[in-house]
């Protein structure tokens, strides 16, 4: 998530740290403190700041408390996406299946027929655990009872747009795969967050699932954030 900070943030942070060090050295001269002792304490403060304020994702971590106190930071810097998101995926699997079935029967199918096929709607849920250093995305899909977890993820914001994007590569494990399916496969997703609708994520996904047979799928994702009390306590 750090990539969403303004470019001036990191130099400014180094400048602030330099002033803190100079102030500590000045205090050592004024009060005759041991420099070793002071810098040990400073190191503890830095470690605490990194682990509690920047590196934690739980509900009462320092940076998330600040974000809740000043919600404008979600738009000015980046959003706090931690929590449970519920919604659905709309997959092109019915289109792929129809083409496969027609190929096996030697029957032709027209482009117009393909466009009229409804997408497959499946309930899904994801949990996002994010700190200022890393993002984890865990998912659950109703159609296969499969579980997914992110292998790599990042957030970025285009300079010419207000949308913040969460992009991640995931691995899905399907406990009871059907014939022609796979027990594990790799996929990717790109979800967009908009400050105008802060409790919604929308985007697309695509998979490497059964790619050798040309059965790998793609589709859209629509999610809304769960704002129940239990969600807040768990994070």
Protein backbone atom coordinates (compact mmCIF):
# COMPACT_ATOMS: atom_id res chain seq x y z
CA UNK A 1 0.00 0.00 0.00
CA UNK A 2 2.98 2.31 0.49
CA UNK A 3 3.07 2.92 -3.26
CA UNK A 4 -0.05 5.05 -2.86
CA UNK A 5 1.70 7.59 -0.68
CA UNK A 6 2.67 10.83 -2.50
CA UNK A 7 6.18 10.71 -3.87
CA UNK A 8 7.19 13.43 -1.42
CA UNK A 9 6.20 11.30 1.59
CA UNK A 10 9.35 9.23 1.94
CA UNK A 11 11.85 12.13 1.63
CA UNK A 12 9.70 14.07 4.10
CA UNK A 13 9.79 11.11 6.50
CA UNK A 14 13.59 10.97 6.28
CA UNK A 15 13.81 14.71 6.94
CA UNK A 16 11.57 14.38 10.01
CA UNK A 17 13.67 11.47 11.28
CA UNK A 18 16.85 13.55 10.81
CA UNK A 19 15.36 16.39 12.87
CA UNK A 20 14.40 13.91 15.59
CA UNK A 21 17.96 12.59 15.73
CA UNK A 22 19.36 16.14 15.95
CA UNK A 23 16.88 16.96 18.72
CA UNK A 24 17.92 13.84 20.64
CA UNK A 25 21.59 14.79 20.34
CA UNK A 26 20.77 18.29 21.58
CA UNK A 27 18.93 16.87 24.59
CA UNK A 28 21.94 14.71 25.38
CA UNK A 29 24.10 17.84 25.54
CA UNK A 30 21.62 19.82 27.63
CA UNK A 31 20.69 17.16 30.19
CA UNK A 32 23.91 15.14 30.05
CA UNK A 33 22.11 11.94 29.06
CA UNK A 34 23.93 8.92 27.75
CA UNK A 35 23.72 8.90 23.96
CA UNK A 36 23.68 5.10 23.92
CA UNK A 37 20.68 5.00 26.25
CA UNK A 38 18.81 7.64 24.25
CA UNK A 39 19.38 5.90 20.93
CA UNK A 40 18.28 2.59 22.41
CA UNK A 41 15.03 4.21 23.45
CA UNK A 42 14.72 5.83 20.02
CA UNK A 43 15.19 2.44 18.39
CA UNK A 44 12.38 1.01 20.53
CA UNK A 45 10.12 3.90 19.53
CA UNK A 46 10.88 3.30 15.84
CA UNK A 47 10.20 -0.44 16.15
CA UNK A 48 6.92 0.24 17.96
CA UNK A 49 5.88 2.77 15.30
CA UNK A 50 6.67 0.38 12.45
CA UNK A 51 4.97 -2.67 13.97
CA UNK A 52 1.93 -1.08 15.63
CA UNK A 53 1.23 2.04 13.59
CA UNK A 54 2.37 0.95 10.14
CA UNK A 55 2.73 -2.82 9.99
CA UNK A 56 -0.48 -4.06 11.65
CA UNK A 57 -3.89 -4.73 10.10
CA UNK A 58 -6.09 -5.32 13.16
CA UNK A 59 -8.95 -2.98 14.04
CA UNK A 60 -7.10 -0.98 16.71
CA UNK A 61 -3.78 -0.66 14.90
CA UNK A 62 -2.47 2.89 14.94
CA UNK A 63 -2.89 3.86 11.31
CA UNK A 64 -6.42 2.43 11.08
CA UNK A 65 -7.48 4.43 14.15
CA UNK A 66 -6.12 7.56 12.46
CA UNK A 67 -7.98 6.69 9.24
CA UNK A 68 -11.24 6.32 11.18
CA UNK A 69 -10.63 9.63 12.94
CA UNK A 70 -9.88 11.40 9.67
CA UNK A 71 -11.84 9.54 6.95
CA UNK A 72 -10.68 12.04 4.32
CA UNK A 73 -7.36 10.15 4.30
CA UNK A 74 -9.12 7.32 2.46
CA UNK A 75 -9.42 9.63 -0.54
CA UNK A 76 -6.33 11.79 -0.07
CA UNK A 77 -3.88 8.92 0.42
CA UNK A 78 -5.46 5.46 0.06
CA UNK A 79 -8.48 3.59 1.44
CA UNK A 80 -8.52 1.22 4.39
CA UNK A 81 -9.91 -1.90 2.71
CA UNK A 82 -9.60 -4.21 5.72
CA UNK A 83 -12.65 -6.34 6.37
CA UNK A 84 -15.11 -8.81 4.88
CA UNK A 85 -16.53 -8.07 1.43
CA UNK A 86 -19.61 -9.96 0.20
CA UNK A 87 -21.03 -10.15 -3.28
CA UNK A 88 -20.93 -12.17 -6.46
CA UNK A 89 -19.00 -13.06 -9.56
CA UNK A 90 -20.44 -13.22 -13.07
CA UNK A 91 -18.54 -15.82 -15.07
CA UNK A 92 -18.41 -16.54 -18.80
CA UNK A 93 -18.42 -20.28 -18.07
CA UNK A 94 -21.87 -20.86 -19.69
CA UNK A 95 -20.50 -19.38 -22.94
CA UNK A 96 -17.42 -21.61 -22.82
CA UNK A 97 -19.52 -24.67 -21.99
CA UNK A 98 -21.91 -24.00 -24.86
CA UNK A 99 -19.03 -23.73 -27.33
CA UNK A 100 -17.51 -26.97 -25.99
CA UNK A 101 -20.83 -28.84 -26.21
CA UNK A 102 -21.46 -27.63 -29.76
CA UNK A 103 -17.93 -28.63 -30.80
CA UNK A 104 -18.50 -32.16 -29.48
CA UNK A 105 -21.78 -32.44 -31.41
CA UNK A 106 -20.42 -30.87 -34.60
CA UNK A 107 -23.15 -28.23 -34.41
CA UNK A 108 -22.37 -24.63 -35.25
CA UNK A 109 -23.15 -21.75 -32.95
CA UNK A 110 -23.44 -18.15 -34.09
CA UNK A 111 -22.02 -15.06 -32.48
CA UNK A 112 -25.54 -13.80 -31.85
CA UNK A 113 -26.36 -16.98 -29.92
CA UNK A 114 -23.26 -16.59 -27.77
CA UNK A 115 -24.15 -12.99 -26.91
CA UNK A 116 -27.58 -14.08 -25.66
CA UNK A 117 -26.20 -16.61 -23.17
CA UNK A 118 -26.51 -15.37 -19.58
CA UNK A 119 -23.41 -15.25 -17.43
CA UNK A 120 -23.14 -17.58 -14.44
CA UNK A 121 -23.88 -15.81 -11.16
CA UNK A 122 -22.10 -17.15 -8.05
CA UNK A 123 -22.03 -15.82 -4.52
CA UNK A 124 -18.57 -15.07 -3.19
CA UNK A 125 -16.81 -13.48 -0.24
CA UNK A 126 -13.33 -12.14 0.29
CA UNK A 127 -11.45 -10.98 3.34
CA UNK A 128 -8.80 -8.29 2.98
CA UNK A 129 -6.02 -7.93 5.56
CA UNK A 130 -3.91 -4.88 4.83
CA UNK A 131 -1.16 -2.95 6.58
CA UNK A 132 1.04 -0.22 5.14
CA UNK A 133 3.51 -2.89 4.04
CA UNK A 134 1.47 -5.78 2.66
CA UNK A 135 -1.98 -6.92 1.56
CA UNK A 136 -3.53 -10.38 1.84
CA UNK A 137 -6.74 -11.42 0.10
CA UNK A 138 -8.61 -14.58 1.10
CA UNK A 139 -11.60 -15.72 -0.94
CA UNK A 140 -14.50 -18.19 -0.91
CA UNK A 141 -16.64 -19.14 -3.94
CA UNK A 142 -20.05 -20.77 -3.56
CA UNK A 143 -20.14 -22.67 -6.86
CA UNK A 144 -17.16 -24.93 -6.08
CA UNK A 145 -16.77 -24.38 -2.34
CA UNK A 146 -13.21 -23.42 -3.26
CA UNK A 147 -10.88 -21.32 -1.14
CA UNK A 148 -8.36 -18.89 -2.57
CA UNK A 149 -5.49 -16.89 -1.13
CA UNK A 150 -3.37 -14.20 -2.70
CA UNK A 151 0.18 -14.98 -3.78
CA UNK A 152 1.02 -11.40 -4.67
CA UNK A 153 -0.98 -8.19 -4.34
CA UNK A 154 -0.58 -4.45 -4.64
CA UNK A 155 -2.59 -1.24 -4.63
CA UNK A 156 -2.05 1.57 -7.10
CA UNK A 157 -3.70 4.78 -8.21
CA UNK A 158 -3.55 6.20 -11.70
CA UNK A 159 -2.60 9.86 -11.78
CA UNK A 160 -5.41 10.77 -14.17
CA UNK A 161 -8.16 8.92 -12.28
CA UNK A 162 -9.68 8.96 -8.81
CA UNK A 163 -10.08 5.19 -8.68
CA UNK A 164 -7.80 3.15 -6.44
CA UNK A 165 -7.08 -0.34 -7.75
CA UNK A 166 -6.31 -3.53 -5.86
CA UNK A 167 -4.63 -6.08 -8.12
CA UNK A 168 -3.65 -9.54 -6.97
CA UNK A 169 -2.67 -13.00 -8.16
CA UNK A 170 -4.26 -15.85 -6.26
CA UNK A 171 -4.29 -19.63 -6.01
CA UNK A 172 -7.63 -21.38 -5.62
CA UNK A 173 -8.03 -24.83 -4.09
CA UNK A 174 -11.16 -26.77 -5.08
CA UNK A 175 -11.82 -29.64 -2.62
CA UNK A 176 -14.02 -31.73 -4.94
CA UNK A 177 -13.29 -30.80 -8.57
CA UNK A 178 -15.58 -32.02 -11.31
CA UNK A 179 -14.41 -33.88 -14.40
CA UNK A 180 -12.29 -31.66 -16.66
CA UNK A 181 -11.69 -29.36 -13.68
CA UNK A 182 -8.55 -28.88 -11.59
CA UNK A 183 -8.05 -29.18 -7.84
CA UNK A 184 -5.85 -26.07 -7.86
CA UNK A 185 -5.38 -23.24 -10.30
CA UNK A 186 -3.90 -19.77 -10.55
CA UNK A 187 -5.96 -16.66 -11.25
CA UNK A 188 -5.78 -12.89 -11.07
CA UNK A 189 -8.18 -10.08 -10.21
CA UNK A 190 -8.28 -6.31 -10.44
CA UNK A 191 -10.75 -4.50 -8.17
CA UNK A 192 -11.50 -0.78 -8.13
CA UNK A 193 -12.45 1.42 -5.16
CA UNK A 194 -14.20 4.75 -5.60
CA UNK A 195 -14.50 7.37 -2.84
CA UNK A 196 -18.05 8.13 -4.00
CA UNK A 197 -19.11 4.56 -3.07
CA UNK A 198 -16.56 3.63 -0.38
CA UNK A 199 -18.24 0.37 0.62
CA UNK A 200 -18.13 -1.16 -2.85
CA UNK A 201 -15.47 -2.95 -4.89
CA UNK A 202 -15.97 -3.77 -8.56
CA UNK A 203 -13.66 -5.31 -11.10
CA UNK A 204 -12.70 -8.27 -13.23
CA UNK A 205 -10.96 -11.61 -12.83
CA UNK A 206 -9.49 -14.29 -15.07
CA UNK A 207 -8.10 -17.76 -14.43
CA UNK A 208 -5.64 -20.33 -15.76
CA UNK A 209 -8.17 -23.02 -14.92
CA UNK A 210 -8.13 -26.00 -17.36
CA UNK A 211 -6.36 -23.77 -19.88
CA UNK A 212 -5.09 -26.68 -21.99
CA UNK A 213 -8.69 -27.51 -22.96
CA UNK A 214 -9.49 -23.81 -23.47
CA UNK A 215 -11.82 -23.79 -20.46
CA UNK A 216 -10.16 -21.00 -18.48
CA UNK A 217 -12.75 -18.47 -17.38
CA UNK A 218 -13.09 -14.75 -16.81
CA UNK A 219 -15.78 -12.45 -15.51
CA UNK A 220 -16.80 -9.54 -13.33
CA UNK A 221 -16.81 -9.16 -9.53
CA UNK A 222 -19.15 -6.96 -7.48
CA UNK A 223 -18.66 -6.74 -3.72
CA UNK A 224 -20.00 -4.71 -0.80
CA UNK A 225 -18.30 -4.32 2.54
CA UNK A 226 -19.82 -6.05 5.55
CA UNK A 227 -20.12 -3.52 8.36
CA UNK A 228 -21.36 -5.81 11.14
CA UNK A 229 -20.01 -5.55 14.68
CA UNK A 230 -18.36 -8.94 14.47
CA UNK A 231 -16.37 -7.77 11.48
CA UNK A 232 -15.01 -4.81 13.39
CA UNK A 233 -14.04 -6.93 16.39
CA UNK A 234 -12.19 -9.46 14.28
CA UNK A 235 -10.07 -6.84 12.60
